[in-house]
């Protein structure tokens, strides 16, 4: 790999990581806002609905109740459902 290609790859990777870090920061902020507003004691579904609203207010695009297959060495070993999935490969369950 030439030095120029490596530099371009590193810049793209760092930019992607910056985007993931920013998204993670926003997600955590939304969760903290929901928790500070609602407090303790509600069922999980209540917090999920509040998170949906808060994510929407911050313009965070996500999928809900997403089915995900789990592979190990290209072999399907199971599946699960995640509560929230962002296109940048972050998920929250």
Protein backbone atom coordinates (compact mmCIF):
# COMPACT_ATOMS: atom_id res chain seq x y z
CA UNK A 1 0.00 0.00 0.00
CA UNK A 2 1.46 3.32 -0.96
CA UNK A 3 1.83 6.07 1.60
CA UNK A 4 -0.76 8.28 -0.15
CA UNK A 5 -3.38 5.53 -0.15
CA UNK A 6 -2.68 4.79 3.50
CA UNK A 7 -3.09 8.46 4.42
CA UNK A 8 -6.42 8.65 2.57
CA UNK A 9 -7.60 5.43 4.24
CA UNK A 10 -6.59 6.74 7.68
CA UNK A 11 -8.38 10.05 7.09
CA UNK A 12 -11.57 8.23 6.02
CA UNK A 13 -11.34 5.88 9.02
CA UNK A 14 -10.76 8.76 11.46
CA UNK A 15 -13.70 10.70 9.97
CA UNK A 16 -15.91 7.62 10.34
CA UNK A 17 -14.81 7.23 13.95
CA UNK A 18 -15.50 10.92 14.60
CA UNK A 19 -19.02 10.41 13.22
CA UNK A 20 -19.55 7.35 15.43
CA UNK A 21 -18.20 9.20 18.47
CA UNK A 22 -20.51 12.15 17.79
CA UNK A 23 -23.49 9.85 17.28
CA UNK A 24 -22.64 7.97 20.48
CA UNK A 25 -22.42 11.28 22.34
CA UNK A 26 -25.86 12.33 21.01
CA UNK A 27 -27.43 8.95 21.89
CA UNK A 28 -26.09 9.06 25.44
CA UNK A 29 -27.29 12.66 25.79
CA UNK A 30 -30.78 11.64 24.69
CA UNK A 31 -30.82 8.74 27.14
CA UNK A 32 -29.71 11.00 29.98
CA UNK A 33 -32.41 13.54 29.07
CA UNK A 34 -35.09 10.81 29.11
CA UNK A 35 -33.85 9.46 32.43
CA UNK A 36 -33.65 12.90 34.07
CA UNK A 37 -37.14 13.76 32.81
CA UNK A 38 -38.92 10.49 33.65
CA UNK A 39 -36.84 9.22 36.56
CA UNK A 40 -36.96 5.59 37.71
CA UNK A 41 -39.75 3.07 37.91
CA UNK A 42 -41.34 2.81 34.48
CA UNK A 43 -41.48 -0.24 32.24
CA UNK A 44 -38.90 -0.54 29.47
CA UNK A 45 -41.50 0.25 26.78
CA UNK A 46 -42.10 3.70 28.30
CA UNK A 47 -38.40 4.59 28.14
CA UNK A 48 -38.15 3.24 24.57
CA UNK A 49 -41.06 5.42 23.44
CA UNK A 50 -39.53 8.46 25.13
CA UNK A 51 -36.17 7.69 23.47
CA UNK A 52 -37.90 7.53 20.08
CA UNK A 53 -39.28 11.02 20.69
CA UNK A 54 -35.95 12.40 21.94
CA UNK A 55 -33.99 10.87 19.03
CA UNK A 56 -36.50 12.45 16.62
CA UNK A 57 -36.07 15.86 18.26
CA UNK A 58 -32.31 15.56 17.65
CA UNK A 59 -32.73 14.40 14.04
CA UNK A 60 -31.22 10.96 14.73
CA UNK A 61 -32.40 8.44 12.13
CA UNK A 62 -32.83 4.88 13.36
CA UNK A 63 -34.74 1.65 12.87
CA UNK A 64 -36.83 0.09 15.65
CA UNK A 65 -37.19 -3.55 16.67
CA UNK A 66 -34.68 -4.63 14.02
CA UNK A 67 -34.03 -8.35 13.58
CA UNK A 68 -30.32 -9.16 13.31
CA UNK A 69 -28.70 -12.43 12.33
CA UNK A 70 -25.55 -13.36 14.24
CA UNK A 71 -22.70 -15.06 12.41
CA UNK A 72 -19.48 -16.67 13.57
CA UNK A 73 -16.92 -17.49 10.87
CA UNK A 74 -19.66 -17.02 8.26
CA UNK A 75 -21.92 -19.55 10.02
CA UNK A 76 -25.32 -18.40 11.29
CA UNK A 77 -25.35 -19.11 15.02
CA UNK A 78 -28.42 -17.19 16.14
CA UNK A 79 -30.51 -14.08 15.92
CA UNK A 80 -31.71 -11.28 18.11
CA UNK A 81 -33.88 -8.20 18.02
CA UNK A 82 -32.33 -4.85 18.83
CA UNK A 83 -34.41 -1.98 20.13
CA UNK A 84 -32.67 0.73 18.08
CA UNK A 85 -30.32 0.44 15.10
CA UNK A 86 -28.43 3.28 13.45
CA UNK A 87 -27.07 2.92 9.92
CA UNK A 88 -23.55 3.60 11.17
CA UNK A 89 -23.54 0.14 12.79
CA UNK A 90 -24.44 1.22 16.31
CA UNK A 91 -27.20 -0.63 18.07
CA UNK A 92 -28.89 -0.34 21.43
CA UNK A 93 -30.79 -3.06 23.18
